[in-house]
Amino acid sequence: MYDDENANGTFDSAELAVLNGLFSLVNVTTNNVISEHTTTGSTDPYCFEGLASDSYRVVSVAPGGYSATTRQEWDLTLASGSTADLQFGAQLVDANAVDEAAAEDGGSQRNIVTALLGAFGVIFLLLAAGVAGFLILANRRNSATEEE
């Protein structure tokens, strides 16, 4: 997926790759999603490999803040050993949406880390309470034994 800056629907050499575009590969015969790929912003093409001869549909979804400038779906029939080069264009229409999506992604990662640290904290407190309880009971037993 490329950033189609001039919205002409054609990849121009100065246009860059888009980060967080989504591709789904669907088997047209069974209507099952075979594989999915999220773009990394790399200009290296991504290849769905090891496909059997069959009919497939590649469906693209531009990330937040982008609007598609080319077809979003391509149907193709692959013969054994064949390849197809599909390019999907998307134009930036709302830079704020891209920033918000990145912030949400970073925020969700921070939330996960916070939740994990909280869970480890609770486990540590429970272990500490268990050890303290054991020591108190052991101390009481020793005191009771000494008094007898």
C-alpha atoms as a PDB file:
ATOM      1  CA  MET A   1       0.000   0.000   0.000  1.00  0.00           C
ATOM      2  CA  TYR A   2       1.455   3.317  -1.047  1.00  0.00           C
ATOM      3  CA  ASP A   3       0.719   6.900  -0.030  1.00  0.00           C
ATOM      4  CA  ASP A   4      -0.875   8.205  -3.222  1.00  0.00           C
ATOM      5  CA  GLU A   5      -0.106  11.866  -2.525  1.00  0.00           C
ATOM      6  CA  ASN A   6      -1.496  13.158  -5.825  1.00  0.00           C
ATOM      7  CA  ALA A   7      -4.492  10.749  -5.761  1.00  0.00           C
ATOM      8  CA  ASN A   8      -3.923   9.664  -9.347  1.00  0.00           C
ATOM      9  CA  GLY A   9      -4.371   5.963  -8.543  1.00  0.00           C
ATOM     10  CA  THR A  10      -0.897   5.157  -9.874  1.00  0.00           C
ATOM     11  CA  PHE A  11       2.228   4.457  -7.849  1.00  0.00           C
ATOM     12  CA  ASP A  12       4.793   7.183  -8.534  1.00  0.00           C
ATOM     13  CA  SER A  13       8.443   6.617  -7.595  1.00  0.00           C
ATOM     14  CA  ALA A  14       8.478   9.408  -4.972  1.00  0.00           C
ATOM     15  CA  GLU A  15       5.463   7.999  -3.092  1.00  0.00           C
ATOM     16  CA  LEU A  16       6.151   6.149   0.147  1.00  0.00           C
ATOM     17  CA  ALA A  17       4.651   3.090   1.768  1.00  0.00           C
ATOM     18  CA  VAL A  18       1.739   3.396   4.213  1.00  0.00           C
ATOM     19  CA  LEU A  19       1.981   2.144   7.791  1.00  0.00           C
ATOM     20  CA  ASN A  20      -0.836   0.011   9.291  1.00  0.00           C
ATOM     21  CA  GLY A  21      -2.748  -0.763   6.107  1.00  0.00           C
ATOM     22  CA  LEU A  22      -4.504  -4.119   6.351  1.00  0.00           C
ATOM     23  CA  PHE A  23      -4.650  -6.849   3.713  1.00  0.00           C
ATOM     24  CA  SER A  24      -6.811  -9.942   3.888  1.00  0.00           C
ATOM     25  CA  LEU A  25      -6.418 -12.878   1.541  1.00  0.00           C
ATOM     26  CA  VAL A  26      -9.728 -14.685   1.007  1.00  0.00           C
ATOM     27  CA  ASN A  27     -10.267 -17.983  -0.789  1.00  0.00           C
ATOM     28  CA  VAL A  28     -13.140 -17.173  -3.153  1.00  0.00           C
ATOM     29  CA  THR A  29     -14.251 -20.822  -3.353  1.00  0.00           C
ATOM     30  CA  THR A  30     -14.637 -21.306   0.418  1.00  0.00           C
ATOM     31  CA  ASN A  31     -14.972 -17.618   1.427  1.00  0.00           C
ATOM     32  CA  ASN A  32     -12.425 -18.285   4.198  1.00  0.00           C
ATOM     33  CA  VAL A  33      -9.782 -15.748   5.161  1.00  0.00           C
ATOM     34  CA  ILE A  34      -6.490 -17.506   4.417  1.00  0.00           C
ATOM     35  CA  SER A  35      -4.129 -14.890   5.815  1.00  0.00           C
ATOM     36  CA  GLU A  36      -3.882 -11.267   6.894  1.00  0.00           C
ATOM     37  CA  HIS A  37      -1.029  -8.774   6.817  1.00  0.00           C
ATOM     38  CA  THR A  38      -0.620  -5.326   8.350  1.00  0.00           C
ATOM     39  CA  THR A  39       1.783  -3.064   6.489  1.00  0.00           C
ATOM     40  CA  THR A  40       4.919  -1.975   8.318  1.00  0.00           C
ATOM     41  CA  GLY A  41       5.729   1.107   6.254  1.00  0.00           C
ATOM     42  CA  SER A  42       8.436  -0.803   4.412  1.00  0.00           C
ATOM     43  CA  THR A  43       8.668  -0.412   0.649  1.00  0.00           C
ATOM     44  CA  ASP A  44       9.525  -4.114   0.359  1.00  0.00           C
ATOM     45  CA  PRO A  45       6.558  -5.983  -1.116  1.00  0.00           C
ATOM     46  CA  TYR A  46       4.736  -8.519   1.033  1.00  0.00           C
ATOM     47  CA  CYS A  47       4.033 -11.935  -0.461  1.00  0.00           C
ATOM     48  CA  PHE A  48       1.379 -14.462   0.538  1.00  0.00           C
ATOM     49  CA  GLU A  49       3.372 -17.627  -0.138  1.00  0.00           C
ATOM     50  CA  GLY A  50       2.586 -21.305  -0.649  1.00  0.00           C
ATOM     51  CA  LEU A  51      -0.867 -20.809  -2.137  1.00  0.00           C
ATOM     52  CA  ALA A  52      -2.583 -23.624  -3.973  1.00  0.00           C
ATOM     53  CA  SER A  53      -3.977 -23.065  -7.447  1.00  0.00           C
ATOM     54  CA  ASP A  54      -7.337 -21.469  -6.751  1.00  0.00           C
ATOM     55  CA  SER A  55      -9.323 -18.233  -6.911  1.00  0.00           C
ATOM     56  CA  TYR A  56      -8.489 -15.574  -4.338  1.00  0.00           C
ATOM     57  CA  ARG A  57      -9.585 -12.095  -3.349  1.00  0.00           C
ATOM     58  CA  VAL A  58      -7.189  -9.585  -1.819  1.00  0.00           C
ATOM     59  CA  VAL A  59      -9.022  -7.014   0.274  1.00  0.00           C
ATOM     60  CA  SER A  60      -7.282  -3.862   1.497  1.00  0.00           C
ATOM     61  CA  VAL A  61      -8.287  -1.480   4.251  1.00  0.00           C
ATOM     62  CA  ALA A  62      -6.511   1.853   4.466  1.00  0.00           C
ATOM     63  CA  PRO A  63      -5.518   2.932   7.995  1.00  0.00           C
ATOM     64  CA  GLY A  64      -7.298   5.727   9.858  1.00  0.00           C
ATOM     65  CA  GLY A  65      -6.765   9.127   8.266  1.00  0.00           C
ATOM     66  CA  TYR A  66      -6.365   7.660   4.761  1.00  0.00           C
ATOM     67  CA  SER A  67      -8.816   7.250   1.904  1.00  0.00           C
ATOM     68  CA  ALA A  68      -8.407   4.619  -0.820  1.00  0.00           C
ATOM     69  CA  THR A  69      -7.447   5.956  -4.261  1.00  0.00           C
ATOM     70  CA  THR A  70      -7.497   2.583  -6.027  1.00  0.00           C
ATOM     71  CA  ARG A  71      -9.677  -0.498  -5.936  1.00  0.00           C
ATOM     72  CA  GLN A  72      -9.843  -1.998  -2.475  1.00  0.00           C
ATOM     73  CA  GLU A  73     -10.462  -5.544  -3.694  1.00  0.00           C
ATOM     74  CA  TRP A  74      -8.849  -7.615  -6.420  1.00  0.00           C
ATOM     75  CA  ASP A  75     -10.013 -11.057  -7.521  1.00  0.00           C
ATOM     76  CA  LEU A  76      -7.488 -13.304  -9.193  1.00  0.00           C
ATOM     77  CA  THR A  77      -7.039 -16.917 -10.140  1.00  0.00           C
ATOM     78  CA  LEU A  78      -3.602 -18.314  -9.495  1.00  0.00           C
ATOM     79  CA  ALA A  79      -2.087 -21.230 -11.349  1.00  0.00           C
ATOM     80  CA  SER A  80       0.691 -23.270  -9.793  1.00  0.00           C
ATOM     81  CA  GLY A  81       3.896 -21.213  -9.579  1.00  0.00           C
ATOM     82  CA  SER A  82       2.287 -17.964 -10.708  1.00  0.00           C
ATOM     83  CA  THR A  83       2.605 -14.572  -9.028  1.00  0.00           C
ATOM     84  CA  ALA A  84       0.556 -11.393  -9.073  1.00  0.00           C
ATOM     85  CA  ASP A  85       1.727  -7.893  -8.183  1.00  0.00           C
ATOM     86  CA  LEU A  86      -1.085  -5.809  -6.719  1.00  0.00           C
ATOM     87  CA  GLN A  87      -0.695  -2.216  -5.601  1.00  0.00           C
ATOM     88  CA  PHE A  88      -3.158  -0.371  -3.442  1.00  0.00           C
ATOM     89  CA  GLY A  89      -3.171   3.410  -3.161  1.00  0.00           C
ATOM     90  CA  ALA A  90      -4.325   5.486  -0.219  1.00  0.00           C
ATOM     91  CA  GLN A  91      -4.168   9.239   0.258  1.00  0.00           C
ATOM     92  CA  LEU A  92      -3.716  10.985   3.590  1.00  0.00           C
ATOM     93  CA  VAL A  93      -6.854  13.023   4.244  1.00  0.00           C
ATOM     94  CA  ASP A  94      -6.705  13.507   8.026  1.00  0.00           C
ATOM     95  CA  ALA A  95      -3.267  13.633   9.660  1.00  0.00           C
ATOM     96  CA  ASN A  96      -4.933  14.063  13.062  1.00  0.00           C
ATOM     97  CA  ALA A  97      -6.619  10.649  12.702  1.00  0.00           C
ATOM     98  CA  VAL A  98      -3.227   9.050  12.015  1.00  0.00           C
ATOM     99  CA  ASP A  99      -1.756  10.735  15.107  1.00  0.00           C
ATOM    100  CA  GLU A 100      -4.753   9.681  17.208  1.00  0.00           C
ATOM    101  CA  ALA A 101      -4.498   6.083  15.991  1.00  0.00           C
ATOM    102  CA  ALA A 102      -0.805   6.019  16.865  1.00  0.00           C
ATOM    103  CA  ALA A 103      -1.557   7.531  20.287  1.00  0.00           C
ATOM    104  CA  GLU A 104      -4.308   4.974  20.902  1.00  0.00           C
ATOM    105  CA  ASP A 105      -1.991   2.143  19.906  1.00  0.00           C
ATOM    106  CA  GLY A 106       0.702   3.463  22.235  1.00  0.00           C
ATOM    107  CA  GLY A 107      -1.922   4.037  24.911  1.00  0.00           C
ATOM    108  CA  SER A 108      -3.206   0.487  24.654  1.00  0.00           C
ATOM    109  CA  GLN A 109       0.341  -0.824  24.988  1.00  0.00           C
ATOM    110  CA  ARG A 110       0.845   1.350  28.083  1.00  0.00           C
ATOM    111  CA  ASN A 111      -2.471   0.056  29.461  1.00  0.00           C
ATOM    112  CA  ILE A 112      -1.330  -3.531  28.990  1.00  0.00           C
ATOM    113  CA  VAL A 113       1.972  -2.842  30.748  1.00  0.00           C
ATOM    114  CA  THR A 114       0.146  -1.059  33.584  1.00  0.00           C
ATOM    115  CA  ALA A 115      -2.286  -3.969  33.953  1.00  0.00           C
ATOM    116  CA  LEU A 116       0.571  -6.502  34.041  1.00  0.00           C
ATOM    117  CA  LEU A 117       2.489  -4.495  36.628  1.00  0.00           C
ATOM    118  CA  GLY A 118      -0.697  -4.207  38.706  1.00  0.00           C
ATOM    119  CA  ALA A 119      -1.276  -7.965  38.491  1.00  0.00           C
ATOM    120  CA  PHE A 120       2.306  -8.695  39.557  1.00  0.00           C
ATOM    121  CA  GLY A 121       1.897  -6.213  42.417  1.00  0.00           C
ATOM    122  CA  VAL A 122      -1.246  -7.989  43.642  1.00  0.00           C
ATOM    123  CA  ILE A 123       0.485 -11.373  43.421  1.00  0.00           C
ATOM    124  CA  PHE A 124       3.481 -10.008  45.350  1.00  0.00           C
ATOM    125  CA  LEU A 125       1.198  -8.592  48.080  1.00  0.00           C
ATOM    126  CA  LEU A 126      -0.667 -11.894  48.389  1.00  0.00           C
ATOM    127  CA  LEU A 127       2.615 -13.791  48.660  1.00  0.00           C
ATOM    128  CA  ALA A 128       3.898 -11.349  51.269  1.00  0.00           C
ATOM    129  CA  ALA A 129       0.670 -11.683  53.262  1.00  0.00           C
ATOM    130  CA  GLY A 130       0.942 -15.468  53.070  1.00  0.00           C
ATOM    131  CA  VAL A 131       4.550 -15.452  54.291  1.00  0.00           C
ATOM    132  CA  ALA A 132       3.669 -13.011  57.096  1.00  0.00           C
ATOM    133  CA  GLY A 133       0.730 -15.205  58.140  1.00  0.00           C
ATOM    134  CA  PHE A 134       2.941 -18.292  58.131  1.00  0.00           C
ATOM    135  CA  LEU A 135       5.582 -16.560  60.269  1.00  0.00           C
ATOM    136  CA  ILE A 136       2.957 -15.354  62.774  1.00  0.00           C
ATOM    137  CA  LEU A 137       1.471 -18.855  63.082  1.00  0.00           C
ATOM    138  CA  ALA A 138       4.919 -20.427  63.376  1.00  0.00           C
ATOM    139  CA  ASN A 139       5.859 -17.885  66.073  1.00  0.00           C
ATOM    140  CA  ARG A 140       2.641 -18.641  68.010  1.00  0.00           C
ATOM    141  CA  ARG A 141       3.345 -22.385  67.867  1.00  0.00           C
ATOM    142  CA  ASN A 142       6.872 -21.836  69.117  1.00  0.00           C
ATOM    143  CA  SER A 143       5.586 -19.614  71.958  1.00  0.00           C
ATOM    144  CA  ALA A 144       2.947 -22.174  72.889  1.00  0.00           C
ATOM    145  CA  THR A 145       5.545 -24.973  72.883  1.00  0.00           C
ATOM    146  CA  GLU A 146       7.908 -22.975  75.085  1.00  0.00           C
ATOM    147  CA  GLU A 147       5.152 -22.232  77.625  1.00  0.00           C
ATOM    148  CA  GLU A 148       4.333 -25.925  78.100  1.00  0.00           C
END
